[in-house]
Amino acid sequence: MRTIAPLSPMLLALLLGLAACAGAALAVDGVPVPTPAKPAGAEQCVAPVEIMRREHMHLLDHQRDATVIDGARDGRYSLVGCMDCHNPVQPGGKIVRYENPEHFCAGCHAYASVRIDCFECHADRGYEPVTQGALEQDSALTAATLRLRLEADGD
């Protein structure tokens, strides 16, 4: 019985290139290449798309170190900033959680088979801004009310 040899990497690259030239949707092993939606209302990201695709994990690690070691919480590459723009709370209060394929990060990480552990501790969605004046009102967002909101969001 004759067996068919697996495709060589060069042949696979050629086939993917031809599919791209033909305008076909790219897929590897039947999985479509993710194309996350651009954030609504955003003019540009903190860095060019090519850099963010390739380097975002290093930028986040650097910001993490600056936050934890130096206490710098307002950095250009903060996870909070990323989530506020790329995965904000949807109209009507709908929250897209990381497990949902609609989440900005989920599609690419699933495609690349990369386990991400940011959201084990950090929020996986944006928050509506809280101004200093609101903190002085009776409806202030305290740690206790934030915890209750997060627990309610998990339902």
C-alpha atoms as a PDB file:
ATOM      1  CA  MET A   1       0.000   0.000   0.000  1.00  0.00           C
ATOM      2  CA  ARG A   2       1.333   3.405  -0.919  1.00  0.00           C
ATOM      3  CA  THR A   3       1.225   6.305   1.572  1.00  0.00           C
ATOM      4  CA  ILE A   4       1.160   9.991   0.827  1.00  0.00           C
ATOM      5  CA  ALA A   5       4.006  11.965   2.362  1.00  0.00           C
ATOM      6  CA  PRO A   6       3.072  15.036   4.422  1.00  0.00           C
ATOM      7  CA  LEU A   7       3.413  18.396   2.715  1.00  0.00           C
ATOM      8  CA  SER A   8       6.849  19.890   2.952  1.00  0.00           C
ATOM      9  CA  PRO A   9       7.089  23.280   4.666  1.00  0.00           C
ATOM     10  CA  MET A  10       8.105  24.875   1.347  1.00  0.00           C
ATOM     11  CA  LEU A  11       5.083  23.449  -0.480  1.00  0.00           C
ATOM     12  CA  LEU A  12       2.779  24.530   2.350  1.00  0.00           C
ATOM     13  CA  ALA A  13       4.180  28.084   2.186  1.00  0.00           C
ATOM     14  CA  LEU A  14       3.664  28.117  -1.580  1.00  0.00           C
ATOM     15  CA  LEU A  15       0.048  26.985  -1.234  1.00  0.00           C
ATOM     16  CA  LEU A  16      -0.654  29.615   1.425  1.00  0.00           C
ATOM     17  CA  GLY A  17       0.927  32.281  -0.775  1.00  0.00           C
ATOM     18  CA  LEU A  18      -1.214  31.246  -3.748  1.00  0.00           C
ATOM     19  CA  ALA A  19      -4.341  31.321  -1.600  1.00  0.00           C
ATOM     20  CA  ALA A  20      -3.466  34.834  -0.433  1.00  0.00           C
ATOM     21  CA  CYS A  21      -2.874  36.014  -3.994  1.00  0.00           C
ATOM     22  CA  ALA A  22      -6.170  34.519  -5.105  1.00  0.00           C
ATOM     23  CA  GLY A  23      -7.983  36.460  -2.391  1.00  0.00           C
ATOM     24  CA  ALA A  24      -9.114  33.327  -0.605  1.00  0.00           C
ATOM     25  CA  ALA A  25      -9.535  33.373   3.158  1.00  0.00           C
ATOM     26  CA  LEU A  26      -6.403  31.895   4.659  1.00  0.00           C
ATOM     27  CA  ALA A  27      -6.755  28.891   6.874  1.00  0.00           C
ATOM     28  CA  VAL A  28      -4.223  26.533   8.388  1.00  0.00           C
ATOM     29  CA  ASP A  29      -5.509  23.042   9.121  1.00  0.00           C
ATOM     30  CA  GLY A  30      -9.044  24.359   8.635  1.00  0.00           C
ATOM     31  CA  VAL A  31      -8.615  27.154  11.185  1.00  0.00           C
ATOM     32  CA  PRO A  32      -9.134  30.640   9.689  1.00  0.00           C
ATOM     33  CA  VAL A  33      -6.452  33.218  10.382  1.00  0.00           C
ATOM     34  CA  PRO A  34      -7.926  35.672  12.919  1.00  0.00           C
ATOM     35  CA  THR A  35      -8.697  39.222  11.902  1.00  0.00           C
ATOM     36  CA  PRO A  36      -9.713  41.066  15.085  1.00  0.00           C
ATOM     37  CA  ALA A  37     -11.835  44.153  14.608  1.00  0.00           C
ATOM     38  CA  LYS A  38     -10.261  47.550  15.053  1.00  0.00           C
ATOM     39  CA  PRO A  39     -11.476  49.416  18.127  1.00  0.00           C
ATOM     40  CA  ALA A  40     -14.412  51.706  17.398  1.00  0.00           C
ATOM     41  CA  GLY A  41     -13.477  55.359  17.532  1.00  0.00           C
ATOM     42  CA  ALA A  42      -9.738  54.756  17.840  1.00  0.00           C
ATOM     43  CA  GLU A  43      -7.554  56.752  15.500  1.00  0.00           C
ATOM     44  CA  GLN A  44      -4.395  54.734  16.072  1.00  0.00           C
ATOM     45  CA  CYS A  45      -2.814  52.326  18.515  1.00  0.00           C
ATOM     46  CA  VAL A  46       0.078  53.241  20.811  1.00  0.00           C
ATOM     47  CA  ALA A  47       2.405  51.661  18.225  1.00  0.00           C
ATOM     48  CA  PRO A  48       2.079  50.531  14.590  1.00  0.00           C
ATOM     49  CA  VAL A  49       0.085  47.326  14.039  1.00  0.00           C
ATOM     50  CA  GLU A  50       3.135  45.354  12.858  1.00  0.00           C
ATOM     51  CA  ILE A  51       5.016  46.185  16.067  1.00  0.00           C
ATOM     52  CA  MET A  52       2.040  45.413  18.306  1.00  0.00           C
ATOM     53  CA  ARG A  53       1.469  42.031  16.643  1.00  0.00           C
ATOM     54  CA  ARG A  54       5.094  41.066  17.059  1.00  0.00           C
ATOM     55  CA  GLU A  55       6.092  42.772  20.314  1.00  0.00           C
ATOM     56  CA  HIS A  56       2.966  43.277  22.476  1.00  0.00           C
ATOM     57  CA  MET A  57       3.962  40.592  24.957  1.00  0.00           C
ATOM     58  CA  HIS A  58       7.365  42.225  25.537  1.00  0.00           C
ATOM     59  CA  LEU A  59       5.802  45.672  25.904  1.00  0.00           C
ATOM     60  CA  LEU A  60       3.322  44.325  28.465  1.00  0.00           C
ATOM     61  CA  ASP A  61       6.098  42.548  30.363  1.00  0.00           C
ATOM     62  CA  HIS A  62       8.148  45.751  30.456  1.00  0.00           C
ATOM     63  CA  GLN A  63       5.127  47.734  31.674  1.00  0.00           C
ATOM     64  CA  ARG A  64       4.416  45.062  34.289  1.00  0.00           C
ATOM     65  CA  ASP A  65       7.947  45.371  35.644  1.00  0.00           C
ATOM     66  CA  ALA A  66       7.746  49.177  35.668  1.00  0.00           C
ATOM     67  CA  THR A  67       4.439  48.975  37.553  1.00  0.00           C
ATOM     68  CA  VAL A  68       5.450  46.352  40.097  1.00  0.00           C
ATOM     69  CA  ILE A  69       9.012  47.549  40.740  1.00  0.00           C
ATOM     70  CA  ASP A  70       8.732  51.309  40.179  1.00  0.00           C
ATOM     71  CA  GLY A  71       5.032  51.865  40.904  1.00  0.00           C
ATOM     72  CA  ALA A  72       4.450  53.420  37.459  1.00  0.00           C
ATOM     73  CA  ARG A  73       0.748  52.823  36.801  1.00  0.00           C
ATOM     74  CA  ASP A  74       0.096  55.137  33.874  1.00  0.00           C
ATOM     75  CA  GLY A  75       2.381  53.665  31.250  1.00  0.00           C
ATOM     76  CA  ARG A  76       1.812  53.729  27.544  1.00  0.00           C
ATOM     77  CA  TYR A  77       1.472  49.939  27.362  1.00  0.00           C
ATOM     78  CA  SER A  78      -0.710  49.249  30.397  1.00  0.00           C
ATOM     79  CA  LEU A  79      -3.053  46.279  30.256  1.00  0.00           C
ATOM     80  CA  VAL A  80      -5.876  48.518  31.500  1.00  0.00           C
ATOM     81  CA  GLY A  81      -5.296  50.841  28.533  1.00  0.00           C
ATOM     82  CA  CYS A  82      -5.319  47.900  26.130  1.00  0.00           C
ATOM     83  CA  MET A  83      -8.604  46.542  27.498  1.00  0.00           C
ATOM     84  CA  ASP A  84     -10.289  49.960  27.634  1.00  0.00           C
ATOM     85  CA  CYS A  85      -9.714  50.363  23.889  1.00  0.00           C
ATOM     86  CA  HIS A  86      -9.678  46.812  22.519  1.00  0.00           C
ATOM     87  CA  ASN A  87     -12.330  45.193  24.691  1.00  0.00           C
ATOM     88  CA  PRO A  88     -14.538  47.872  26.223  1.00  0.00           C
ATOM     89  CA  VAL A  89     -17.850  47.200  27.915  1.00  0.00           C
ATOM     90  CA  GLN A  90     -20.324  46.941  25.043  1.00  0.00           C
ATOM     91  CA  PRO A  91     -23.469  49.080  24.744  1.00  0.00           C
ATOM     92  CA  GLY A  92     -26.146  47.777  27.042  1.00  0.00           C
ATOM     93  CA  GLY A  93     -23.492  46.641  29.518  1.00  0.00           C
ATOM     94  CA  LYS A  94     -22.582  43.464  27.606  1.00  0.00           C
ATOM     95  CA  ILE A  95     -19.176  42.207  28.709  1.00  0.00           C
ATOM     96  CA  VAL A  96     -17.137  39.988  26.399  1.00  0.00           C
ATOM     97  CA  ARG A  97     -15.071  37.649  28.561  1.00  0.00           C
ATOM     98  CA  TYR A  98     -11.744  36.140  27.535  1.00  0.00           C
ATOM     99  CA  GLU A  99     -13.278  32.680  27.000  1.00  0.00           C
ATOM    100  CA  ASN A 100     -15.509  34.158  24.276  1.00  0.00           C
ATOM    101  CA  PRO A 101     -13.991  34.059  20.759  1.00  0.00           C
ATOM    102  CA  GLU A 102     -15.251  37.655  20.283  1.00  0.00           C
ATOM    103  CA  HIS A 103     -12.752  38.872  22.888  1.00  0.00           C
ATOM    104  CA  PHE A 104     -10.023  40.898  21.157  1.00  0.00           C
ATOM    105  CA  CYS A 105      -7.166  38.740  22.496  1.00  0.00           C
ATOM    106  CA  ALA A 106      -8.815  35.319  22.317  1.00  0.00           C
ATOM    107  CA  GLY A 107      -8.820  34.720  18.554  1.00  0.00           C
ATOM    108  CA  CYS A 108      -5.118  35.305  17.972  1.00  0.00           C
ATOM    109  CA  HIS A 109      -4.027  33.466  21.108  1.00  0.00           C
ATOM    110  CA  ALA A 110      -6.159  30.445  20.222  1.00  0.00           C
ATOM    111  CA  TYR A 111      -4.838  30.525  16.648  1.00  0.00           C
ATOM    112  CA  ALA A 112      -1.219  30.677  17.851  1.00  0.00           C
ATOM    113  CA  SER A 113      -1.942  28.082  20.560  1.00  0.00           C
ATOM    114  CA  VAL A 114      -0.597  30.449  23.192  1.00  0.00           C
ATOM    115  CA  ARG A 115      -1.938  30.217  26.718  1.00  0.00           C
ATOM    116  CA  ILE A 116      -2.259  33.653  28.224  1.00  0.00           C
ATOM    117  CA  ASP A 117      -2.435  34.076  31.976  1.00  0.00           C
ATOM    118  CA  CYS A 118      -3.002  37.841  32.250  1.00  0.00           C
ATOM    119  CA  PHE A 119      -6.710  37.443  32.928  1.00  0.00           C
ATOM    120  CA  GLU A 120      -6.282  35.045  35.818  1.00  0.00           C
ATOM    121  CA  CYS A 121      -5.569  38.171  37.892  1.00  0.00           C
ATOM    122  CA  HIS A 122      -6.437  41.137  35.660  1.00  0.00           C
ATOM    123  CA  ALA A 123      -9.752  42.288  34.205  1.00  0.00           C
ATOM    124  CA  ASP A 124     -10.408  41.017  30.687  1.00  0.00           C
ATOM    125  CA  ARG A 125     -12.554  43.989  29.714  1.00  0.00           C
ATOM    126  CA  GLY A 126     -12.543  47.755  29.918  1.00  0.00           C
ATOM    127  CA  TYR A 127     -14.194  49.844  32.593  1.00  0.00           C
ATOM    128  CA  GLU A 128     -16.160  53.028  32.271  1.00  0.00           C
ATOM    129  CA  PRO A 129     -13.950  55.911  33.468  1.00  0.00           C
ATOM    130  CA  VAL A 130     -14.325  57.054  37.065  1.00  0.00           C
ATOM    131  CA  THR A 131     -13.451  60.686  37.674  1.00  0.00           C
ATOM    132  CA  GLN A 132     -12.030  62.057  40.900  1.00  0.00           C
ATOM    133  CA  GLY A 133     -15.267  63.973  41.543  1.00  0.00           C
ATOM    134  CA  ALA A 134     -17.256  60.754  41.404  1.00  0.00           C
ATOM    135  CA  LEU A 135     -15.060  59.261  44.112  1.00  0.00           C
ATOM    136  CA  GLU A 136     -16.255  61.937  46.531  1.00  0.00           C
ATOM    137  CA  GLN A 137     -19.949  61.230  45.927  1.00  0.00           C
ATOM    138  CA  ASP A 138     -22.109  58.721  47.774  1.00  0.00           C
ATOM    139  CA  SER A 139     -21.997  56.418  44.746  1.00  0.00           C
ATOM    140  CA  ALA A 140     -18.219  56.172  44.905  1.00  0.00           C
ATOM    141  CA  LEU A 141     -16.585  53.128  43.374  1.00  0.00           C
ATOM    142  CA  THR A 142     -14.981  51.639  46.469  1.00  0.00           C
ATOM    143  CA  ALA A 143     -13.108  48.360  46.659  1.00  0.00           C
ATOM    144  CA  ALA A 144     -16.232  46.688  48.058  1.00  0.00           C
ATOM    145  CA  THR A 145     -18.520  47.942  45.266  1.00  0.00           C
ATOM    146  CA  LEU A 146     -15.907  47.056  42.649  1.00  0.00           C
ATOM    147  CA  ARG A 147     -15.736  43.506  44.024  1.00  0.00           C
ATOM    148  CA  LEU A 148     -19.535  43.226  43.891  1.00  0.00           C
ATOM    149  CA  ARG A 149     -19.566  44.497  40.296  1.00  0.00           C
ATOM    150  CA  LEU A 150     -16.912  41.994  39.267  1.00  0.00           C
ATOM    151  CA  GLU A 151     -18.803  39.143  40.919  1.00  0.00           C
ATOM    152  CA  ALA A 152     -22.002  40.227  39.153  1.00  0.00           C
ATOM    153  CA  ASP A 153     -20.151  40.380  35.820  1.00  0.00           C
ATOM    154  CA  GLY A 154     -19.057  36.776  36.251  1.00  0.00           C
ATOM    155  CA  ASP A 155     -22.669  35.529  36.062  1.00  0.00           C
END
